[in-house]
Amino acid sequence: MEWLLTKTIEAGRDAGVIDARSTRDVIVDTTVMEKATAHPTDARLYEKARTRLVKLAHKAGLPLRQSYARLGSRLAQQAGRYAHARQFKRMRKALRRLEGYTGRVMRDVQRRASSVKDDGLRQRIDTGLALAGRLLAQKPRDRRKLSALHEPDVDCISKGKARKRYEFGCKVSVATTHREGFVLGMRSMPGNPYDGHTLHEAIEQVEILADARPLRVFVDRGYRGHGIEPTTGPAVFISGQRRGMTRALRRALRRRSAIEPTISHMKTDGRLSRSPLKGTLGDALHAALCGAGHNIRLILAHLRTLLAEILAALLRLIGNATFTPTPPKRQITRPA
């Protein structure tokens, strides 16, 4: 996928979208690529873990003492109603009962799992038991909480948005050109690292894919403490910086926010807002594909603009051309 992103960069150079000067100044920022998961609630996770264990037990032919199919589903719905009605004491009581149902089913399957002969099915049962045990053992304030059973590597990232306080997915580093907004690097950063610690990898990816070393990098204040020295790497300019700034540098630094609409277009038009691929490898592939798709859209828009200019020039030439018809020959009439 990174090779494909490199080919789009070469195509952008051949089409005239970017030139050799475009890679000297780079804007770097991070965003959240959400996963295809529902909002995690305790009731939903407990019920999902119990349902998955019951299905695996039925598939393996393991007899269970009780599956809690009727009581579990009804109690999960009731916990949601209690939370909506702000009856939190009843909600917590329902969650404790639901947690007990899941734990009983987990221990029952764990006792009987040794009799399963199929290795593939046994591995699936062990994975389900491990996820259920991790879910039951986690505390409300744990840092690496399990947010989805089918995606255990989903990170809970707080971005400070008013409409959405938390986002569940993977952090993605985006590097674009300063003038054109052409994507030079897209890399997923699993584990929700600090933005300043991802800058070195982002610059390294730009050097590899674009085959050019950027001279200046413009970032926001979340990259303070990046640790890149001007003697060994490019000059890094942070928003709000005062020392050593000229008028041209201040004007260039104000354009750092141009990467925000680029990320918005990738989320709206390029499906960066929701990753359907599984695991950390799927996050890396989807991020690189979204960057390649954005570059292709910019190249097509540039070619459409060139075609419109060519057609307009041809129409002007046709309109300005003077057409002088040849006069008809004069007929001489002789007298009779």
C-alpha atoms as a PDB file:
ATOM      1  CA  MET A   1       0.000   0.000   0.000  1.00  0.00           C
ATOM      2  CA  GLU A   2       2.903   2.384   0.650  1.00  0.00           C
ATOM      3  CA  TRP A   3       4.254   1.492  -2.802  1.00  0.00           C
ATOM      4  CA  LEU A   4       0.855   2.492  -4.226  1.00  0.00           C
ATOM      5  CA  LEU A   5       1.041   5.785  -2.328  1.00  0.00           C
ATOM      6  CA  THR A   6       4.513   6.342  -3.804  1.00  0.00           C
ATOM      7  CA  LYS A   7       3.148   5.822  -7.320  1.00  0.00           C
ATOM      8  CA  THR A   8       0.454   8.443  -6.746  1.00  0.00           C
ATOM      9  CA  ILE A   9       3.171  10.909  -5.649  1.00  0.00           C
ATOM     10  CA  GLU A  10       5.111  10.190  -8.860  1.00  0.00           C
ATOM     11  CA  ALA A  11       1.916  10.614 -10.890  1.00  0.00           C
ATOM     12  CA  GLY A  12       1.296  13.955  -9.196  1.00  0.00           C
ATOM     13  CA  ARG A  13       4.746  15.131 -10.224  1.00  0.00           C
ATOM     14  CA  ASP A  14       4.239  13.972 -13.809  1.00  0.00           C
ATOM     15  CA  ALA A  15       0.816  15.650 -14.001  1.00  0.00           C
ATOM     16  CA  GLY A  16       2.138  18.935 -12.633  1.00  0.00           C
ATOM     17  CA  VAL A  17       0.154  18.919  -9.395  1.00  0.00           C
ATOM     18  CA  ILE A  18       3.362  19.166  -7.345  1.00  0.00           C
ATOM     19  CA  ASP A  19       6.963  19.940  -8.239  1.00  0.00           C
ATOM     20  CA  ALA A  20      10.388  19.575  -6.667  1.00  0.00           C
ATOM     21  CA  ARG A  21       9.789  22.570  -4.380  1.00  0.00           C
ATOM     22  CA  SER A  22       6.583  21.141  -2.935  1.00  0.00           C
ATOM     23  CA  THR A  23       8.384  18.605  -0.731  1.00  0.00           C
ATOM     24  CA  ARG A  24      10.548  21.209   0.985  1.00  0.00           C
ATOM     25  CA  ASP A  25       7.721  22.425   3.267  1.00  0.00           C
ATOM     26  CA  VAL A  26       5.510  19.785   4.906  1.00  0.00           C
ATOM     27  CA  ILE A  27       2.542  19.996   7.272  1.00  0.00           C
ATOM     28  CA  VAL A  28       2.108  17.124   9.757  1.00  0.00           C
ATOM     29  CA  ASP A  29      -0.928  16.429  11.930  1.00  0.00           C
ATOM     30  CA  THR A  30      -2.735  13.500  13.535  1.00  0.00           C
ATOM     31  CA  THR A  31      -6.357  12.409  13.443  1.00  0.00           C
ATOM     32  CA  VAL A  32      -8.463   9.499  14.662  1.00  0.00           C
ATOM     33  CA  MET A  33      -9.533   6.794  12.221  1.00  0.00           C
ATOM     34  CA  GLU A  34     -12.529   5.218  13.885  1.00  0.00           C
ATOM     35  CA  LYS A  35     -13.203   1.504  13.639  1.00  0.00           C
ATOM     36  CA  ALA A  36     -16.446  -0.198  12.662  1.00  0.00           C
ATOM     37  CA  THR A  37     -17.546  -0.694  16.276  1.00  0.00           C
ATOM     38  CA  ALA A  38     -20.537   0.332  18.329  1.00  0.00           C
ATOM     39  CA  HIS A  39     -20.187   2.631  21.314  1.00  0.00           C
ATOM     40  CA  PRO A  40     -18.934   0.392  24.137  1.00  0.00           C
ATOM     41  CA  THR A  41     -21.241   0.017  27.119  1.00  0.00           C
ATOM     42  CA  ASP A  42     -20.872  -2.522  29.910  1.00  0.00           C
ATOM     43  CA  ALA A  43     -24.276  -4.080  29.270  1.00  0.00           C
ATOM     44  CA  ARG A  44     -23.604  -4.525  25.564  1.00  0.00           C
ATOM     45  CA  LEU A  45     -20.128  -5.988  26.127  1.00  0.00           C
ATOM     46  CA  TYR A  46     -21.279  -8.440  28.820  1.00  0.00           C
ATOM     47  CA  GLU A  47     -24.167  -9.642  26.682  1.00  0.00           C
ATOM     48  CA  LYS A  48     -21.976  -9.940  23.582  1.00  0.00           C
ATOM     49  CA  ALA A  49     -19.356 -11.986  25.453  1.00  0.00           C
ATOM     50  CA  ARG A  50     -22.013 -14.310  26.880  1.00  0.00           C
ATOM     51  CA  THR A  51     -23.661 -14.784  23.476  1.00  0.00           C
ATOM     52  CA  ARG A  52     -20.353 -15.590  21.771  1.00  0.00           C
ATOM     53  CA  LEU A  53     -19.413 -18.162  24.403  1.00  0.00           C
ATOM     54  CA  VAL A  54     -22.825 -19.835  24.178  1.00  0.00           C
ATOM     55  CA  LYS A  55     -22.569 -20.073  20.375  1.00  0.00           C
ATOM     56  CA  LEU A  56     -19.084 -21.576  20.566  1.00  0.00           C
ATOM     57  CA  ALA A  57     -20.248 -24.084  23.182  1.00  0.00           C
ATOM     58  CA  HIS A  58     -23.206 -25.157  21.018  1.00  0.00           C
ATOM     59  CA  LYS A  59     -20.917 -25.483  17.999  1.00  0.00           C
ATOM     60  CA  ALA A  60     -18.502 -27.679  19.962  1.00  0.00           C
ATOM     61  CA  GLY A  61     -21.329 -29.747  21.444  1.00  0.00           C
ATOM     62  CA  LEU A  62     -20.617 -28.729  25.050  1.00  0.00           C
ATOM     63  CA  PRO A  63     -23.619 -29.060  27.401  1.00  0.00           C
ATOM     64  CA  LEU A  64     -24.102 -25.966  29.545  1.00  0.00           C
ATOM     65  CA  ARG A  65     -25.877 -25.754  32.874  1.00  0.00           C
ATOM     66  CA  GLN A  66     -27.671 -22.610  31.820  1.00  0.00           C
ATOM     67  CA  SER A  67     -27.162 -20.260  28.884  1.00  0.00           C
ATOM     68  CA  TYR A  68     -29.116 -17.275  30.304  1.00  0.00           C
ATOM     69  CA  ALA A  69     -30.388 -16.533  26.793  1.00  0.00           C
ATOM     70  CA  ARG A  70     -33.714 -15.136  27.968  1.00  0.00           C
ATOM     71  CA  LEU A  71     -32.569 -13.485  31.200  1.00  0.00           C
ATOM     72  CA  GLY A  72     -29.372 -11.995  29.739  1.00  0.00           C
ATOM     73  CA  SER A  73     -30.916 -10.289  26.721  1.00  0.00           C
ATOM     74  CA  ARG A  74     -33.813  -8.914  28.780  1.00  0.00           C
ATOM     75  CA  LEU A  75     -31.495  -7.612  31.504  1.00  0.00           C
ATOM     76  CA  ALA A  76     -29.180  -5.907  28.970  1.00  0.00           C
ATOM     77  CA  GLN A  77     -32.134  -3.988  27.524  1.00  0.00           C
ATOM     78  CA  GLN A  78     -33.382  -3.095  30.997  1.00  0.00           C
ATOM     79  CA  ALA A  79     -29.964  -1.705  32.004  1.00  0.00           C
ATOM     80  CA  GLY A  80     -30.076   0.640  29.032  1.00  0.00           C
ATOM     81  CA  ARG A  81     -33.534   1.855  30.034  1.00  0.00           C
ATOM     82  CA  TYR A  82     -32.391   2.469  33.596  1.00  0.00           C
ATOM     83  CA  ALA A  83     -29.449   4.528  32.340  1.00  0.00           C
ATOM     84  CA  HIS A  84     -31.705   6.576  30.062  1.00  0.00           C
ATOM     85  CA  ALA A  85     -34.065   7.260  32.984  1.00  0.00           C
ATOM     86  CA  ARG A  86     -31.059   8.222  35.165  1.00  0.00           C
ATOM     87  CA  GLN A  87     -31.886   5.453  37.653  1.00  0.00           C
ATOM     88  CA  PHE A  88     -28.255   4.606  38.183  1.00  0.00           C
ATOM     89  CA  LYS A  89     -28.708   2.495  41.309  1.00  0.00           C
ATOM     90  CA  ARG A  90     -30.974   0.098  39.428  1.00  0.00           C
ATOM     91  CA  MET A  91     -28.634   0.215  36.440  1.00  0.00           C
ATOM     92  CA  ARG A  92     -25.616  -0.811  38.529  1.00  0.00           C
ATOM     93  CA  LYS A  93     -27.586  -3.644  40.085  1.00  0.00           C
ATOM     94  CA  ALA A  94     -28.593  -4.902  36.625  1.00  0.00           C
ATOM     95  CA  LEU A  95     -24.963  -4.685  35.449  1.00  0.00           C
ATOM     96  CA  ARG A  96     -23.788  -6.749  38.426  1.00  0.00           C
ATOM     97  CA  ARG A  97     -26.321  -9.467  37.638  1.00  0.00           C
ATOM     98  CA  LEU A  98     -25.378  -9.381  33.959  1.00  0.00           C
ATOM     99  CA  GLU A  99     -21.703  -9.668  34.869  1.00  0.00           C
ATOM    100  CA  GLY A 100     -22.552 -12.681  37.001  1.00  0.00           C
ATOM    101  CA  TYR A 101     -24.358 -14.372  34.113  1.00  0.00           C
ATOM    102  CA  THR A 102     -21.342 -13.879  31.835  1.00  0.00           C
ATOM    103  CA  GLY A 103     -18.943 -15.157  34.486  1.00  0.00           C
ATOM    104  CA  ARG A 104     -21.008 -18.309  35.101  1.00  0.00           C
ATOM    105  CA  VAL A 105     -21.135 -19.127  31.409  1.00  0.00           C
ATOM    106  CA  MET A 106     -17.400 -18.455  31.055  1.00  0.00           C
ATOM    107  CA  ARG A 107     -16.484 -20.767  33.925  1.00  0.00           C
ATOM    108  CA  ASP A 108     -18.846 -23.466  32.664  1.00  0.00           C
ATOM    109  CA  VAL A 109     -17.277 -23.389  29.191  1.00  0.00           C
ATOM    110  CA  GLN A 110     -13.798 -23.286  30.725  1.00  0.00           C
ATOM    111  CA  ARG A 111     -14.434 -26.475  32.675  1.00  0.00           C
ATOM    112  CA  ARG A 112     -15.631 -28.370  29.609  1.00  0.00           C
ATOM    113  CA  ALA A 113     -13.268 -26.922  26.964  1.00  0.00           C
ATOM    114  CA  SER A 114     -10.664 -29.667  27.453  1.00  0.00           C
ATOM    115  CA  SER A 115     -12.962 -32.226  25.802  1.00  0.00           C
ATOM    116  CA  VAL A 116     -12.984 -30.397  22.426  1.00  0.00           C
ATOM    117  CA  LYS A 117     -10.983 -32.358  19.836  1.00  0.00           C
ATOM    118  CA  ASP A 118     -11.015 -29.868  16.947  1.00  0.00           C
ATOM    119  CA  ASP A 119      -7.888 -27.697  17.227  1.00  0.00           C
ATOM    120  CA  GLY A 120      -9.350 -24.762  15.290  1.00  0.00           C
ATOM    121  CA  LEU A 121     -12.528 -24.694  17.349  1.00  0.00           C
ATOM    122  CA  ARG A 122     -10.510 -25.127  20.546  1.00  0.00           C
ATOM    123  CA  GLN A 123      -8.404 -22.095  19.626  1.00  0.00           C
ATOM    124  CA  ARG A 124     -11.526 -20.016  19.016  1.00  0.00           C
ATOM    125  CA  ILE A 125     -12.937 -21.066  22.380  1.00  0.00           C
ATOM    126  CA  ASP A 126      -9.673 -20.161  24.131  1.00  0.00           C
ATOM    127  CA  THR A 127      -9.696 -16.740  22.453  1.00  0.00           C
ATOM    128  CA  GLY A 128     -13.294 -16.141  23.523  1.00  0.00           C
ATOM    129  CA  LEU A 129     -12.508 -17.200  27.088  1.00  0.00           C
ATOM    130  CA  ALA A 130      -9.463 -14.900  27.212  1.00  0.00           C
ATOM    131  CA  LEU A 131     -11.495 -11.920  25.976  1.00  0.00           C
ATOM    132  CA  ALA A 132     -14.324 -12.639  28.409  1.00  0.00           C
ATOM    133  CA  GLY A 133     -11.837 -12.920  31.286  1.00  0.00           C
ATOM    134  CA  ARG A 134     -10.210  -9.642  30.291  1.00  0.00           C
ATOM    135  CA  LEU A 135     -13.623  -7.976  30.116  1.00  0.00           C
ATOM    136  CA  LEU A 136     -14.675  -9.179  33.563  1.00  0.00           C
ATOM    137  CA  ALA A 137     -11.341  -8.237  35.149  1.00  0.00           C
ATOM    138  CA  GLN A 138     -11.081  -4.667  33.855  1.00  0.00           C
ATOM    139  CA  LYS A 139     -11.873  -1.733  36.109  1.00  0.00           C
ATOM    140  CA  PRO A 140     -13.682   1.511  35.172  1.00  0.00           C
ATOM    141  CA  ARG A 141     -10.479   3.598  35.167  1.00  0.00           C
ATOM    142  CA  ASP A 142      -8.140   1.160  33.430  1.00  0.00           C
ATOM    143  CA  ARG A 143      -6.134   2.660  30.584  1.00  0.00           C
ATOM    144  CA  ARG A 144      -6.222  -0.237  28.097  1.00  0.00           C
ATOM    145  CA  LYS A 145      -9.863  -1.240  28.394  1.00  0.00           C
ATOM    146  CA  LEU A 146     -11.532  -3.688  26.040  1.00  0.00           C
ATOM    147  CA  SER A 147     -13.888  -1.640  23.858  1.00  0.00           C
ATOM    148  CA  ALA A 148     -14.949  -4.273  21.312  1.00  0.00           C
ATOM    149  CA  LEU A 149     -14.767  -8.063  21.336  1.00  0.00           C
ATOM    150  CA  HIS A 150     -14.180  -8.397  17.595  1.00  0.00           C
ATOM    151  CA  GLU A 151     -11.517  -5.609  17.688  1.00  0.00           C
ATOM    152  CA  PRO A 152      -9.480  -5.944  20.901  1.00  0.00           C
ATOM    153  CA  ASP A 153      -6.868  -3.422  19.695  1.00  0.00           C
ATOM    154  CA  VAL A 154      -9.261  -0.452  19.506  1.00  0.00           C
ATOM    155  CA  ASP A 155      -7.963   2.603  21.399  1.00  0.00           C
ATOM    156  CA  CYS A 156     -10.133   5.076  23.292  1.00  0.00           C
ATOM    157  CA  ILE A 157      -8.848   8.495  22.202  1.00  0.00           C
ATOM    158  CA  SER A 158      -9.998  11.796  23.678  1.00  0.00           C
ATOM    159  CA  LYS A 159      -9.734  14.669  21.173  1.00  0.00           C
ATOM    160  CA  GLY A 160     -11.545  17.382  23.142  1.00  0.00           C
ATOM    161  CA  LYS A 161     -14.481  17.712  20.752  1.00  0.00           C
ATOM    162  CA  ALA A 162     -17.685  19.145  22.140  1.00  0.00           C
ATOM    163  CA  ARG A 163     -20.019  16.856  20.211  1.00  0.00           C
ATOM    164  CA  LYS A 164     -17.973  13.680  20.688  1.00  0.00           C
ATOM    165  CA  ARG A 165     -15.757  13.468  23.740  1.00  0.00           C
ATOM    166  CA  TYR A 166     -14.186  10.086  22.951  1.00  0.00           C
ATOM    167  CA  GLU A 167     -13.430   8.355  19.667  1.00  0.00           C
ATOM    168  CA  PHE A 168     -12.721   4.643  19.368  1.00  0.00           C
ATOM    169  CA  GLY A 169     -10.234   3.662  16.707  1.00  0.00           C
ATOM    170  CA  CYS A 170      -6.606   4.243  15.808  1.00  0.00           C
ATOM    171  CA  LYS A 171      -4.471   7.387  15.646  1.00  0.00           C
ATOM    172  CA  VAL A 172      -3.211   8.220  12.130  1.00  0.00           C
ATOM    173  CA  SER A 173      -0.366  10.590  11.244  1.00  0.00           C
ATOM    174  CA  VAL A 174      -0.913  12.649   8.063  1.00  0.00           C
ATOM    175  CA  ALA A 175       1.810  14.546   6.181  1.00  0.00           C
ATOM    176  CA  THR A 176       0.899  16.852   3.278  1.00  0.00           C
ATOM    177  CA  THR A 177       2.625  19.440   1.127  1.00  0.00           C
ATOM    178  CA  HIS A 178       2.435  23.019   2.337  1.00  0.00           C
ATOM    179  CA  ARG A 179       0.909  24.572  -0.765  1.00  0.00           C
ATOM    180  CA  GLU A 180      -1.112  21.921  -2.579  1.00  0.00           C
ATOM    181  CA  GLY A 181      -2.312  19.671   0.255  1.00  0.00           C
ATOM    182  CA  PHE A 182      -0.911  16.611  -1.541  1.00  0.00           C
ATOM    183  CA  VAL A 183      -0.475  13.607   0.783  1.00  0.00           C
ATOM    184  CA  LEU A 184       3.158  12.559   1.194  1.00  0.00           C
ATOM    185  CA  GLY A 185       2.714  10.157   4.107  1.00  0.00           C
ATOM    186  CA  MET A 186      -0.025   8.286   5.981  1.00  0.00           C
ATOM    187  CA  ARG A 187       0.811   5.960   8.842  1.00  0.00           C
ATOM    188  CA  SER A 188      -1.294   4.412  11.596  1.00  0.00           C
ATOM    189  CA  MET A 189      -0.008   4.755  15.171  1.00  0.00           C
ATOM    190  CA  PRO A 190      -1.527   2.015  17.352  1.00  0.00           C
ATOM    191  CA  GLY A 191      -1.492   2.414  21.102  1.00  0.00           C
ATOM    192  CA  ASN A 192      -2.460   6.131  21.114  1.00  0.00           C
ATOM    193  CA  PRO A 193       1.074   7.551  21.384  1.00  0.00           C
ATOM    194  CA  TYR A 194       1.852  11.187  22.123  1.00  0.00           C
ATOM    195  CA  ASP A 195       1.841  13.330  18.976  1.00  0.00           C
ATOM    196  CA  GLY A 196       5.367  14.587  19.516  1.00  0.00           C
ATOM    197  CA  HIS A 197       6.693  11.022  19.608  1.00  0.00           C
ATOM    198  CA  THR A 198       5.201  10.272  16.174  1.00  0.00           C
ATOM    199  CA  LEU A 199       6.868  13.150  14.316  1.00  0.00           C
ATOM    200  CA  HIS A 200      10.141  11.307  13.684  1.00  0.00           C
ATOM    201  CA  GLU A 201       8.328   8.376  12.026  1.00  0.00           C
ATOM    202  CA  ALA A 202       6.188  10.729   9.932  1.00  0.00           C
ATOM    203  CA  ILE A 203       9.240  12.597   8.593  1.00  0.00           C
ATOM    204  CA  GLU A 204      11.023   9.314   7.917  1.00  0.00           C
ATOM    205  CA  GLN A 205       8.066   8.051   5.885  1.00  0.00           C
ATOM    206  CA  VAL A 206       7.988  11.274   3.835  1.00  0.00           C
ATOM    207  CA  GLU A 207      11.686  10.885   3.019  1.00  0.00           C
ATOM    208  CA  ILE A 208      11.161   7.285   1.878  1.00  0.00           C
ATOM    209  CA  LEU A 209       7.967   7.723  -0.147  1.00  0.00           C
ATOM    210  CA  ALA A 210       8.636  11.131  -1.698  1.00  0.00           C
ATOM    211  CA  ASP A 211      12.383  10.470  -2.142  1.00  0.00           C
ATOM    212  CA  ALA A 212      13.123  13.958  -0.809  1.00  0.00           C
ATOM    213  CA  ARG A 213      14.101  15.387   2.545  1.00  0.00           C
ATOM    214  CA  PRO A 214      11.801  18.155   3.822  1.00  0.00           C
ATOM    215  CA  LEU A 215      13.490  21.322   5.000  1.00  0.00           C
ATOM    216  CA  ARG A 216      10.681  22.783   7.116  1.00  0.00           C
ATOM    217  CA  VAL A 217       7.882  21.024   9.011  1.00  0.00           C
ATOM    218  CA  PHE A 218       4.844  22.898  10.377  1.00  0.00           C
ATOM    219  CA  VAL A 219       2.898  21.311  13.258  1.00  0.00           C
ATOM    220  CA  ASP A 220       0.427  22.330  15.954  1.00  0.00           C
ATOM    221  CA  ARG A 221       1.060  22.704  19.670  1.00  0.00           C
ATOM    222  CA  GLY A 222       0.440  19.024  20.343  1.00  0.00           C
ATOM    223  CA  TYR A 223       3.923  18.294  18.990  1.00  0.00           C
ATOM    224  CA  ARG A 224       5.815  20.186  21.677  1.00  0.00           C
ATOM    225  CA  GLY A 225       8.706  18.087  22.953  1.00  0.00           C
ATOM    226  CA  HIS A 226       9.209  16.238  19.662  1.00  0.00           C
ATOM    227  CA  GLY A 227      12.955  15.873  20.234  1.00  0.00           C
ATOM    228  CA  ILE A 228      14.095  16.616  16.659  1.00  0.00           C
ATOM    229  CA  GLU A 229      17.193  18.792  16.549  1.00  0.00           C
ATOM    230  CA  PRO A 230      17.619  21.281  13.662  1.00  0.00           C
ATOM    231  CA  THR A 231      21.182  20.044  13.126  1.00  0.00           C
ATOM    232  CA  THR A 232      20.117  16.453  12.459  1.00  0.00           C
ATOM    233  CA  GLY A 233      16.664  16.943  10.956  1.00  0.00           C
ATOM    234  CA  PRO A 234      14.403  19.529   9.357  1.00  0.00           C
ATOM    235  CA  ALA A 235      13.415  22.740  11.103  1.00  0.00           C
ATOM    236  CA  VAL A 236      10.172  22.220  13.034  1.00  0.00           C
ATOM    237  CA  PHE A 237       7.842  25.210  13.538  1.00  0.00           C
ATOM    238  CA  ILE A 238       5.042  24.953  16.105  1.00  0.00           C
ATOM    239  CA  SER A 239       1.883  27.050  16.130  1.00  0.00           C
ATOM    240  CA  GLY A 240       2.211  30.084  18.359  1.00  0.00           C
ATOM    241  CA  GLN A 241       5.983  30.128  18.107  1.00  0.00           C
ATOM    242  CA  ARG A 242       7.490  33.603  18.618  1.00  0.00           C
ATOM    243  CA  ARG A 243      11.251  33.250  18.756  1.00  0.00           C
ATOM    244  CA  GLY A 244      13.193  33.558  15.514  1.00  0.00           C
ATOM    245  CA  MET A 245      10.116  34.155  13.362  1.00  0.00           C
ATOM    246  CA  THR A 246      10.210  36.410  10.323  1.00  0.00           C
ATOM    247  CA  ARG A 247       7.240  37.775   8.425  1.00  0.00           C
ATOM    248  CA  ALA A 248       7.516  35.045   5.775  1.00  0.00           C
ATOM    249  CA  LEU A 249       7.734  32.312   8.417  1.00  0.00           C
ATOM    250  CA  ARG A 250       4.703  33.663  10.258  1.00  0.00           C
ATOM    251  CA  ARG A 251       2.746  33.681   7.016  1.00  0.00           C
ATOM    252  CA  ALA A 252       3.827  30.115   6.266  1.00  0.00           C
ATOM    253  CA  LEU A 253       2.982  28.983   9.794  1.00  0.00           C
ATOM    254  CA  ARG A 254      -0.525  30.420   9.540  1.00  0.00           C
ATOM    255  CA  ARG A 255      -1.115  28.076   6.624  1.00  0.00           C
ATOM    256  CA  ARG A 256      -0.554  25.066   8.885  1.00  0.00           C
ATOM    257  CA  SER A 257      -4.306  24.851   9.431  1.00  0.00           C
ATOM    258  CA  ALA A 258      -4.744  24.019   5.715  1.00  0.00           C
ATOM    259  CA  ILE A 259      -4.286  20.357   6.622  1.00  0.00           C
ATOM    260  CA  GLU A 260      -7.603  20.355   8.516  1.00  0.00           C
ATOM    261  CA  PRO A 261      -9.844  20.520   5.397  1.00  0.00           C
ATOM    262  CA  THR A 262      -7.595  17.910   3.783  1.00  0.00           C
ATOM    263  CA  ILE A 263      -8.316  15.515   6.653  1.00  0.00           C
ATOM    264  CA  SER A 264     -12.021  16.400   6.462  1.00  0.00           C
ATOM    265  CA  HIS A 265     -12.110  15.582   2.734  1.00  0.00           C
ATOM    266  CA  MET A 266     -10.392  12.254   3.377  1.00  0.00           C
ATOM    267  CA  LYS A 267     -12.957  11.434   6.051  1.00  0.00           C
ATOM    268  CA  THR A 268     -15.925  12.521   3.950  1.00  0.00           C
ATOM    269  CA  ASP A 269     -14.864  11.422   0.466  1.00  0.00           C
ATOM    270  CA  GLY A 270     -12.129   8.868   1.189  1.00  0.00           C
ATOM    271  CA  ARG A 271     -13.729   6.856   4.024  1.00  0.00           C
ATOM    272  CA  LEU A 272     -11.049   7.662   6.554  1.00  0.00           C
ATOM    273  CA  SER A 273     -13.781   8.165   9.139  1.00  0.00           C
ATOM    274  CA  ARG A 274     -14.462   4.413   9.488  1.00  0.00           C
ATOM    275  CA  SER A 275     -12.027   1.569   8.917  1.00  0.00           C
ATOM    276  CA  PRO A 276     -13.708  -1.714   7.937  1.00  0.00           C
ATOM    277  CA  LEU A 277     -10.469  -3.753   7.971  1.00  0.00           C
ATOM    278  CA  LYS A 278      -9.557  -5.893  10.954  1.00  0.00           C
ATOM    279  CA  GLY A 279      -6.642  -5.513  13.331  1.00  0.00           C
ATOM    280  CA  THR A 280      -3.653  -3.186  13.409  1.00  0.00           C
ATOM    281  CA  LEU A 281      -2.553  -4.390   9.966  1.00  0.00           C
ATOM    282  CA  GLY A 282      -5.959  -3.449   8.572  1.00  0.00           C
ATOM    283  CA  ASP A 283      -5.595   0.023  10.091  1.00  0.00           C
ATOM    284  CA  ALA A 284      -2.208   0.510   8.396  1.00  0.00           C
ATOM    285  CA  LEU A 285      -3.532  -0.669   5.017  1.00  0.00           C
ATOM    286  CA  HIS A 286      -6.664   1.464   5.184  1.00  0.00           C
ATOM    287  CA  ALA A 287      -4.732   4.607   6.141  1.00  0.00           C
ATOM    288  CA  ALA A 288      -2.326   4.223   3.199  1.00  0.00           C
ATOM    289  CA  LEU A 289      -5.231   3.573   0.826  1.00  0.00           C
ATOM    290  CA  CYS A 290      -7.054   6.713   1.999  1.00  0.00           C
ATOM    291  CA  GLY A 291      -3.924   8.787   1.305  1.00  0.00           C
ATOM    292  CA  ALA A 292      -3.544   7.290  -2.177  1.00  0.00           C
ATOM    293  CA  GLY A 293      -7.219   7.936  -2.936  1.00  0.00           C
ATOM    294  CA  HIS A 294      -6.931  11.589  -1.918  1.00  0.00           C
ATOM    295  CA  ASN A 295      -3.930  12.066  -4.228  1.00  0.00           C
ATOM    296  CA  ILE A 296      -5.801  10.461  -7.121  1.00  0.00           C
ATOM    297  CA  ARG A 297      -8.733  12.845  -6.592  1.00  0.00           C
ATOM    298  CA  LEU A 298      -6.373  15.832  -6.638  1.00  0.00           C
ATOM    299  CA  ILE A 299      -4.738  14.596  -9.853  1.00  0.00           C
ATOM    300  CA  LEU A 300      -8.118  14.109 -11.555  1.00  0.00           C
ATOM    301  CA  ALA A 301      -9.273  17.570 -10.460  1.00  0.00           C
ATOM    302  CA  HIS A 302      -6.067  19.081 -11.875  1.00  0.00           C
ATOM    303  CA  LEU A 303      -6.554  17.277 -15.197  1.00  0.00           C
ATOM    304  CA  ARG A 304     -10.178  18.419 -15.373  1.00  0.00           C
ATOM    305  CA  THR A 305      -9.048  22.004 -14.840  1.00  0.00           C
ATOM    306  CA  LEU A 306      -6.468  21.693 -17.616  1.00  0.00           C
ATOM    307  CA  LEU A 307      -9.064  20.237 -19.974  1.00  0.00           C
ATOM    308  CA  ALA A 308     -11.487  23.082 -19.212  1.00  0.00           C
ATOM    309  CA  GLU A 309      -8.756  25.659 -19.883  1.00  0.00           C
ATOM    310  CA  ILE A 310      -7.860  23.993 -23.203  1.00  0.00           C
ATOM    311  CA  LEU A 311     -11.495  23.914 -24.320  1.00  0.00           C
ATOM    312  CA  ALA A 312     -11.992  27.556 -23.301  1.00  0.00           C
ATOM    313  CA  ALA A 313      -8.901  28.571 -25.287  1.00  0.00           C
ATOM    314  CA  LEU A 314     -10.155  26.692 -28.349  1.00  0.00           C
ATOM    315  CA  LEU A 315     -13.557  28.351 -28.105  1.00  0.00           C
ATOM    316  CA  ARG A 316     -11.919  31.782 -27.873  1.00  0.00           C
ATOM    317  CA  LEU A 317      -9.833  31.034 -30.976  1.00  0.00           C
ATOM    318  CA  ILE A 318     -12.896  29.937 -32.897  1.00  0.00           C
ATOM    319  CA  GLY A 319     -14.867  33.006 -31.783  1.00  0.00           C
ATOM    320  CA  ASN A 320     -12.095  35.477 -32.668  1.00  0.00           C
ATOM    321  CA  ALA A 321     -11.414  34.014 -36.112  1.00  0.00           C
ATOM    322  CA  THR A 322     -12.655  36.320 -38.915  1.00  0.00           C
ATOM    323  CA  PHE A 323     -14.383  34.564 -41.744  1.00  0.00           C
ATOM    324  CA  THR A 324     -14.178  36.532 -45.057  1.00  0.00           C
ATOM    325  CA  PRO A 325     -16.335  34.926 -47.766  1.00  0.00           C
ATOM    326  CA  THR A 326     -15.298  35.292 -51.409  1.00  0.00           C
ATOM    327  CA  PRO A 327     -17.567  37.707 -53.315  1.00  0.00           C
ATOM    328  CA  PRO A 328     -19.667  36.177 -56.093  1.00  0.00           C
ATOM    329  CA  LYS A 329     -18.538  36.682 -59.671  1.00  0.00           C
ATOM    330  CA  ARG A 330     -20.130  39.594 -61.489  1.00  0.00           C
ATOM    331  CA  GLN A 331     -22.215  38.608 -64.465  1.00  0.00           C
ATOM    332  CA  ILE A 332     -22.008  40.859 -67.541  1.00  0.00           C
ATOM    333  CA  THR A 333     -25.222  41.151 -69.505  1.00  0.00           C
ATOM    334  CA  ARG A 334     -24.810  41.938 -73.165  1.00  0.00           C
ATOM    335  CA  PRO A 335     -27.494  43.933 -74.975  1.00  0.00           C
ATOM    336  CA  ALA A 336     -29.586  41.932 -77.341  1.00  0.00           C
END
